[in-house]
Structure formats: C-alpha cells, structure tokens
N, C-alpha and C. Protein backbone atom coordinates (compact mmCIF):
# COMPACT_ATOMS: atom_id res chain seq x y z
N MET A 1 98.28 82.40 109.40
CA MET A 1 98.25 83.20 109.35
C MET A 1 99.01 83.33 107.85
N ASN A 2 99.58 84.25 107.13
CA ASN A 2 100.08 84.16 105.64
C ASN A 2 101.57 84.10 106.08
N ASP A 3 102.32 84.17 105.29
CA ASP A 3 104.06 84.51 104.92
C ASP A 3 104.14 85.93 105.33
N PHE A 4 103.41 86.67 104.76
CA PHE A 4 103.83 88.18 104.95
C PHE A 4 103.45 88.39 105.99
N LEU A 5 102.63 88.06 106.92
CA LEU A 5 102.01 88.83 108.26
C LEU A 5 102.92 87.92 109.53
N SER A 6 103.08 86.93 109.26
CA SER A 6 104.37 85.76 109.65
C SER A 6 105.91 86.90 110.01
N LYS A 7 106.17 87.54 108.57
CA LYS A 7 107.54 87.95 109.10
C LYS A 7 107.17 89.67 109.32
N LEU A 8 106.05 90.20 108.90
CA LEU A 8 106.14 91.73 109.38
C LEU A 8 106.09 91.37 111.47
N ASN A 9 105.38 90.42 111.56
CA ASN A 9 105.26 90.14 113.45
C ASN A 9 106.63 89.61 113.19
N LYS A 10 107.45 88.93 112.55
CA LYS A 10 108.77 88.81 113.03
C LYS A 10 109.94 89.88 113.14
N ALA A 11 109.52 90.84 111.84
CA ALA A 11 110.52 92.33 111.96
C ALA A 11 110.01 92.68 113.14
N LEU A 12 109.07 93.55 113.54
CA LEU A 12 108.37 94.13 114.31
C LEU A 12 109.00 93.45 115.48
N ILE A 13 108.89 92.25 116.59
CA ILE A 13 110.16 91.35 117.23
C ILE A 13 111.09 92.00 117.23
N GLU A 14 112.06 91.67 115.92
CA GLU A 14 113.57 91.37 116.22
C GLU A 14 114.24 92.70 116.46
N SER A 15 113.86 94.20 115.37
CA SER A 15 114.31 95.38 115.61
C SER A 15 114.13 96.08 113.84
N GLU A 16 114.33 97.27 113.68
CA GLU A 16 113.51 97.22 112.58
C GLU A 16 115.44 97.44 111.69
N GLY A 17 114.81 97.77 110.53
CA GLY A 17 116.01 96.90 109.91
C GLY A 17 115.28 96.02 108.50
N GLN A 18 114.43 95.08 109.16
CA GLN A 18 113.82 94.11 108.16
C GLN A 18 113.23 95.24 106.75
N THR A 19 113.67 94.55 105.43
CA THR A 19 112.92 95.06 103.99
C THR A 19 111.64 94.43 103.72
N LEU A 20 111.30 94.84 102.93
CA LEU A 20 109.70 93.88 102.50
C LEU A 20 109.52 94.45 100.74
N SER A 21 109.42 93.12 100.14
CA SER A 21 108.96 93.58 98.44
C SER A 21 107.74 94.86 98.88
N PRO A 22 107.48 94.95 97.04
CA PRO A 22 106.54 95.52 97.12
C PRO A 22 105.55 95.01 97.17
N GLU A 23 105.52 93.62 97.06
CA GLU A 23 104.32 92.46 97.40
C GLU A 23 103.86 92.35 98.33
N GLU A 24 105.21 92.40 99.21
CA GLU A 24 104.59 92.03 100.92
C GLU A 24 103.95 93.78 101.43
N VAL A 25 103.85 94.61 101.20
CA VAL A 25 103.70 95.56 101.58
C VAL A 25 102.15 95.78 100.72
N TYR A 26 101.98 95.32 99.84
CA TYR A 26 100.40 95.80 98.63
C TYR A 26 99.71 94.70 99.95
N ASP A 27 100.16 93.39 100.04
CA ASP A 27 98.93 92.19 101.21
C ASP A 27 99.19 92.68 102.74
N TYR A 28 100.23 93.76 102.68
CA TYR A 28 99.97 94.53 104.04
C TYR A 28 98.74 95.36 104.01
N ILE A 29 98.68 96.47 103.04
CA ILE A 29 97.43 97.04 102.39
C ILE A 29 96.24 96.89 102.80
N ALA A 30 96.07 95.50 102.05
CA ALA A 30 94.51 95.38 101.06
C ALA A 30 94.51 94.15 102.77
N SER A 31 95.30 93.50 103.68
CA SER A 31 94.91 93.26 105.18
C SER A 31 94.14 94.61 106.15
N ARG A 32 94.40 95.63 105.42
CA ARG A 32 94.06 96.66 106.79
C ARG A 32 92.35 97.10 105.62
N HIS A 33 92.60 97.61 104.19
CA HIS A 33 91.32 98.13 103.82
C HIS A 33 91.20 97.55 101.61
N ASP A 34 90.24 98.01 102.16
CA ASP A 34 89.54 97.22 100.25
C ASP A 34 90.37 97.82 98.90
N VAL A 35 91.17 97.77 99.21
CA VAL A 35 92.33 97.58 98.03
C VAL A 35 91.97 98.38 96.78
N SER A 36 90.48 97.98 95.91
CA SER A 36 89.69 98.36 95.17
C SER A 36 89.54 99.95 94.86
N LYS A 37 89.36 100.14 96.14
CA LYS A 37 89.50 102.10 95.97
C LYS A 37 90.46 102.62 95.20
N PHE A 38 91.68 101.88 95.17
CA PHE A 38 93.17 102.04 94.23
C PHE A 38 92.43 102.07 93.29
N ARG A 39 92.25 101.44 92.76
CA ARG A 39 91.40 101.32 91.05
C ARG A 39 93.36 100.90 90.19
N GLY A 40 93.21 99.51 91.10
CA GLY A 40 94.34 99.32 90.40
C GLY A 40 95.86 99.73 90.68
N THR A 41 95.27 101.59 90.97
CA THR A 41 97.11 101.95 90.71
C THR A 41 97.99 101.68 91.84
N LEU A 42 97.59 101.01 93.03
CA LEU A 42 98.58 100.30 94.30
C LEU A 42 99.95 100.19 93.75
N MET A 43 99.48 98.66 93.24
CA MET A 43 100.85 97.22 92.69
C MET A 43 101.17 98.44 92.05
N PRO A 44 101.13 99.25 90.55
CA PRO A 44 102.25 99.77 90.10
C PRO A 44 103.00 100.85 90.99
N PHE A 45 101.84 101.82 91.49
CA PHE A 45 103.27 102.57 92.48
C PHE A 45 104.20 102.15 93.05
N LEU A 46 103.92 100.71 94.17
CA LEU A 46 104.76 99.88 94.86
C LEU A 46 105.53 99.05 94.37
N LYS A 47 105.27 99.13 93.37
CA LYS A 47 106.81 98.21 92.41
C LYS A 47 107.53 99.24 91.51
N GLN A 48 107.44 100.06 91.91
CA GLN A 48 108.32 101.57 91.46
C GLN A 48 109.84 101.40 92.53
N PHE A 49 109.67 100.24 93.53
CA PHE A 49 111.10 100.66 94.17
C PHE A 49 110.93 99.29 94.80
N ASP A 50 112.15 98.65 95.14
CA ASP A 50 112.70 97.44 95.13
C ASP A 50 112.21 97.07 96.36
N HIS A 51 112.29 97.66 97.39
CA HIS A 51 112.07 96.85 98.76
C HIS A 51 111.42 98.53 99.48
N PHE A 52 110.64 97.43 101.14
CA PHE A 52 110.55 99.02 102.24
C PHE A 52 111.19 98.17 103.18
N ILE A 53 112.14 99.27 104.17
CA ILE A 53 112.16 98.74 105.35
C ILE A 53 111.58 99.58 106.90
N LEU A 54 111.81 98.80 107.22
CA LEU A 54 111.22 98.56 108.91
C LEU A 54 112.00 99.81 109.67
N LYS A 55 111.78 101.38 109.93
CA LYS A 55 112.21 102.05 110.74
C LYS A 55 111.69 103.26 111.14
N ASP A 56 112.19 103.88 112.68
CA ASP A 56 111.55 104.43 113.42
C ASP A 56 111.70 106.14 112.79
N ILE A 57 110.48 106.83 112.75
CA ILE A 57 110.76 108.18 112.50
C ILE A 57 109.89 109.33 112.01
N SER A 58 109.92 110.41 113.14
CA SER A 58 109.63 111.53 113.31
C SER A 58 108.30 111.76 112.82
N LEU A 59 106.73 111.58 114.09
CA LEU A 59 105.84 112.18 113.50
C LEU A 59 106.12 113.21 112.60
N TYR A 60 106.68 114.07 113.16
CA TYR A 60 106.62 115.91 112.40
C TYR A 60 106.97 115.82 110.97
N ASP A 61 107.64 114.50 111.02
CA ASP A 61 108.63 114.27 109.39
C ASP A 61 107.52 114.21 108.08
N ILE A 62 106.31 113.97 108.50
CA ILE A 62 105.27 113.53 108.00
C ILE A 62 104.52 114.56 107.16
N ASP A 63 103.93 115.06 106.64
CA ASP A 63 102.79 115.49 106.04
C ASP A 63 101.53 114.60 106.36
N LEU A 64 100.75 115.59 107.30
CA LEU A 64 99.45 114.28 107.61
C LEU A 64 98.63 115.44 107.12
N GLU A 65 98.67 116.57 106.46
CA GLU A 65 97.44 116.76 106.43
C GLU A 65 96.91 116.69 104.78
N GLN A 66 97.71 115.78 104.05
CA GLN A 66 97.33 115.64 102.18
C GLN A 66 95.89 114.61 102.03
N TYR A 67 95.71 113.99 102.89
CA TYR A 67 94.52 113.46 102.84
C TYR A 67 93.52 113.78 103.37
N GLU A 68 92.41 113.61 103.11
CA GLU A 68 90.98 114.45 104.14
C GLU A 68 91.28 113.19 105.45
N LEU A 69 90.63 113.63 106.30
CA LEU A 69 90.61 113.03 107.85
C LEU A 69 89.42 112.76 108.21
N ASP A 70 89.12 111.20 108.41
CA ASP A 70 88.20 111.38 109.62
C ASP A 70 87.95 111.17 111.23
N THR A 71 87.50 112.65 111.20
CA THR A 71 88.39 112.35 112.70
C THR A 71 87.91 111.74 113.46
N VAL A 72 85.86 110.95 113.60
CA VAL A 72 85.71 109.79 114.52
C VAL A 72 86.66 108.38 114.13
N LYS A 73 87.36 108.03 113.37
CA LYS A 73 88.26 106.67 113.16
C LYS A 73 89.08 107.21 113.25
N ALA A 74 90.36 108.21 113.65
CA ALA A 74 91.26 108.65 114.43
C ALA A 74 90.90 109.09 115.95
N LYS A 75 89.97 109.12 116.34
CA LYS A 75 89.77 109.40 118.29
C LYS A 75 89.88 107.68 118.10
N GLU A 76 89.17 106.74 117.39
CA GLU A 76 88.86 105.77 117.69
C GLU A 76 90.29 104.71 118.04
N TYR A 77 90.76 104.93 116.88
CA TYR A 77 92.58 104.69 116.44
C TYR A 77 93.02 104.72 117.54
N GLY A 78 93.33 106.70 118.45
CA GLY A 78 94.09 107.03 119.11
C GLY A 78 93.95 106.09 120.91
N ALA A 79 92.80 105.80 120.76
CA ALA A 79 91.94 105.41 122.15
C ALA A 79 92.38 103.75 122.28
N GLN A 80 92.47 102.82 121.22
CA GLN A 80 92.65 101.38 121.15
C GLN A 80 94.70 101.54 121.69
N TYR A 81 95.87 102.59 121.02
CA TYR A 81 96.62 102.89 121.04
C TYR A 81 97.06 102.96 122.76
N LEU A 82 96.35 103.57 123.50
CA LEU A 82 96.26 104.12 124.75
C LEU A 82 96.12 103.36 125.71
N LYS A 83 95.73 102.14 124.77
CA LYS A 83 94.92 100.66 125.77
C LYS A 83 95.92 99.71 125.87
N SER A 84 96.51 99.93 124.43
CA SER A 84 97.44 98.39 123.92
C SER A 84 98.98 99.02 124.34
N GLU A 85 98.52 100.43 123.36
CA GLU A 85 100.89 101.12 123.54
C GLU A 85 101.13 100.18 122.16
N SER A 86 100.08 100.11 121.47
CA SER A 86 100.56 99.32 119.82
C SER A 86 99.57 99.36 118.70
N TYR A 87 100.51 99.75 117.41
CA TYR A 87 99.53 100.42 116.08
C TYR A 87 100.39 99.69 115.36
N PRO A 88 99.47 99.43 114.33
CA PRO A 88 100.04 98.73 112.99
C PRO A 88 101.29 99.57 112.20
N PRO A 89 102.08 98.92 111.31
CA PRO A 89 102.62 99.99 110.85
C PRO A 89 102.33 100.83 109.85
N ILE A 90 102.50 102.35 109.86
CA ILE A 90 102.17 103.06 109.06
C ILE A 90 103.91 103.38 107.19
N VAL A 91 102.38 103.08 106.11
CA VAL A 91 104.32 103.19 105.26
C VAL A 91 104.01 104.64 104.24
N VAL A 92 104.82 105.12 104.40
CA VAL A 92 105.59 106.10 103.51
C VAL A 92 106.00 106.43 102.90
N THR A 93 106.72 107.30 102.31
CA THR A 93 107.20 107.04 100.67
C THR A 93 108.37 108.56 101.18
N PRO A 94 109.36 108.40 100.74
CA PRO A 94 110.32 110.12 101.43
C PRO A 94 110.18 111.05 99.96
N GLN A 95 109.62 111.71 100.26
CA GLN A 95 109.85 113.03 99.62
C GLN A 95 110.87 114.21 99.59
N SER A 96 110.87 115.25 98.76
CA SER A 96 111.13 116.99 99.34
C SER A 96 110.72 118.22 99.52
N GLY A 97 111.12 118.41 99.96
CA GLY A 97 109.72 119.85 100.33
C GLY A 97 110.07 119.96 102.13
N LYS A 98 109.00 120.74 101.95
CA LYS A 98 108.80 121.00 103.26
C LYS A 98 108.31 119.33 104.69
N TYR A 99 107.73 118.52 103.80
CA TYR A 99 108.05 117.09 105.25
C TYR A 99 108.91 116.09 104.50
N THR A 100 109.42 115.19 105.13
CA THR A 100 110.17 114.33 104.37
C THR A 100 109.64 113.31 104.10
N TYR A 101 108.85 113.06 104.12
CA TYR A 101 107.32 111.69 104.28
C TYR A 101 106.37 111.76 103.73
N GLU A 102 105.98 111.24 102.56
CA GLU A 102 104.10 111.62 102.36
C GLU A 102 103.90 110.45 102.55
N MET A 103 102.79 110.32 102.98
CA MET A 103 101.62 108.94 103.51
C MET A 103 101.21 108.22 102.43
N ILE A 104 101.72 106.68 102.49
CA ILE A 104 100.78 106.07 101.08
C ILE A 104 99.77 105.17 101.83
N ASP A 105 100.22 104.47 103.37
CA ASP A 105 98.93 103.96 104.02
C ASP A 105 99.38 104.66 105.07
N GLY A 106 98.08 104.95 106.47
CA GLY A 106 98.37 105.03 107.89
C GLY A 106 98.32 106.42 108.09
N THR A 107 96.82 107.36 107.42
CA THR A 107 96.77 108.92 107.35
C THR A 107 95.99 108.41 108.83
N HIS A 108 94.91 107.58 109.36
CA HIS A 108 94.27 107.88 110.71
C HIS A 108 94.68 107.67 111.55
N ARG A 109 95.72 106.25 111.40
CA ARG A 109 96.23 105.97 112.64
C ARG A 109 97.83 107.21 112.83
N ALA A 110 98.31 107.51 112.49
CA ALA A 110 98.92 108.20 112.08
C ALA A 110 98.57 109.80 112.62
N ASN A 111 97.47 110.54 112.49
CA ASN A 111 97.08 111.51 113.12
C ASN A 111 96.69 110.85 114.15
N ALA A 112 96.70 109.79 114.90
CA ALA A 112 95.52 109.73 115.50
C ALA A 112 96.72 109.20 117.24
N LEU A 113 97.54 109.13 116.58
CA LEU A 113 99.23 108.81 117.53
C LEU A 113 99.56 109.89 117.93
N LYS A 114 99.71 110.96 117.14
CA LYS A 114 100.11 113.24 117.42
C LYS A 114 99.08 113.09 118.25
N SER A 115 97.79 113.03 117.68
CA SER A 115 96.83 114.07 119.07
C SER A 115 96.82 113.13 120.80
N VAL A 116 97.57 111.42 120.35
CA VAL A 116 97.12 111.41 121.43
C VAL A 116 99.37 111.55 122.50
N GLY A 117 99.81 112.60 121.88
CA GLY A 117 101.49 113.00 122.05
C GLY A 117 102.52 112.17 121.63
N LEU A 118 102.13 110.76 120.83
CA LEU A 118 103.30 110.64 120.27
C LEU A 118 104.46 111.73 119.65
N ARG A 119 105.70 110.91 119.55
CA ARG A 119 106.02 112.07 118.50
C ARG A 119 106.92 111.00 117.74
N GLN A 120 107.58 109.78 118.14
CA GLN A 120 108.32 108.69 117.18
C GLN A 120 107.34 107.81 116.98
N LEU A 121 107.07 107.49 115.45
CA LEU A 121 106.39 105.88 114.84
C LEU A 121 108.12 105.04 114.88
N LYS A 122 107.36 103.77 115.32
CA LYS A 122 107.96 102.32 115.67
C LYS A 122 107.78 102.22 113.90
N HIS A 123 108.83 101.39 113.55
CA HIS A 123 108.53 100.60 112.45
C HIS A 123 107.49 101.15 111.71
N THR A 124 108.34 101.95 111.44
CA THR A 124 107.43 102.28 109.68
C THR A 124 107.76 101.76 108.37
N LEU A 125 107.29 101.55 107.86
CA LEU A 125 107.38 100.92 105.98
C LEU A 125 107.75 102.46 105.22
N VAL A 126 109.68 102.37 104.97
CA VAL A 126 109.14 103.78 103.99
C VAL A 126 110.38 102.33 103.06
N LYS A 127 110.03 103.59 102.36
CA LYS A 127 110.10 103.14 100.69
C LYS A 127 111.97 103.01 100.44
N ILE A 128 112.25 101.84 100.23
CA ILE A 128 114.05 102.65 98.91
C ILE A 128 113.89 103.30 97.80
N ILE A 129 114.39 103.93 98.07
CA ILE A 129 114.64 104.76 96.86
C ILE A 129 116.02 103.66 96.06
C-alpha cells in the first residue's frame, strides 16, 4: 500500500481532523479514476489550497446536482454501502450560495448514500481555504 493510502487509512481509523496535502488528495483521486479526463486541470486546481481536512459534513450541504449522474453506478454504490457500511472519502470544496460545498470527487457515492437514507458523510476531504 502506498504512503498516501496508509496515511488515509490511519486517519480514518484515528479521527476526523487529519490534514492531507493537495498531492495526497490528487493521489487519492487518481487511485479511483482515470485522471486524464481532467486534461491536466486537477492538480493545478487542488494546489490552490494548502491542505484538505477530513471532517464529517451533512449530505444536504453538498450540491449533488451539478454533475451528470450515472444512476446504475449510483445504485451499485448504494448496494455496496448497505453490505459494508463503509465508503471511500468524498472530496468537496466550500462555496457560497445555496449549498455549503461543491463536489470535486464522489458525485455517484454521495448520491448513492443519500438514496439509502444517509444524512451525514463521515471522513469527507474538505479543502482548507
């Protein structure tokens, strides 16, 4: 397991409040997705911020409708959660307006969790401004 995943697993076990660098968040997203689809914009975007922090937030504070949703994938994630009651961290950024947070990574997971009745997200990676 690489250093980032080890640090993330340790943070999830220990408590919220653990901070991660933009590079570590990039590595996390790259471990879940083909980052070439971001066309080189993801790392410069993440590097705008010093750190991300693991914290618990309300699902209702995230704009879940900003990206197109693959409902089949979301249902699969929902079923996985119901079996394991765990999920990988979701990455968000604070914003002003109707919602407190904007999605960076985890649209399908967040929608799936909301569809199975979850209200709070544990261990969400939130950028520190």
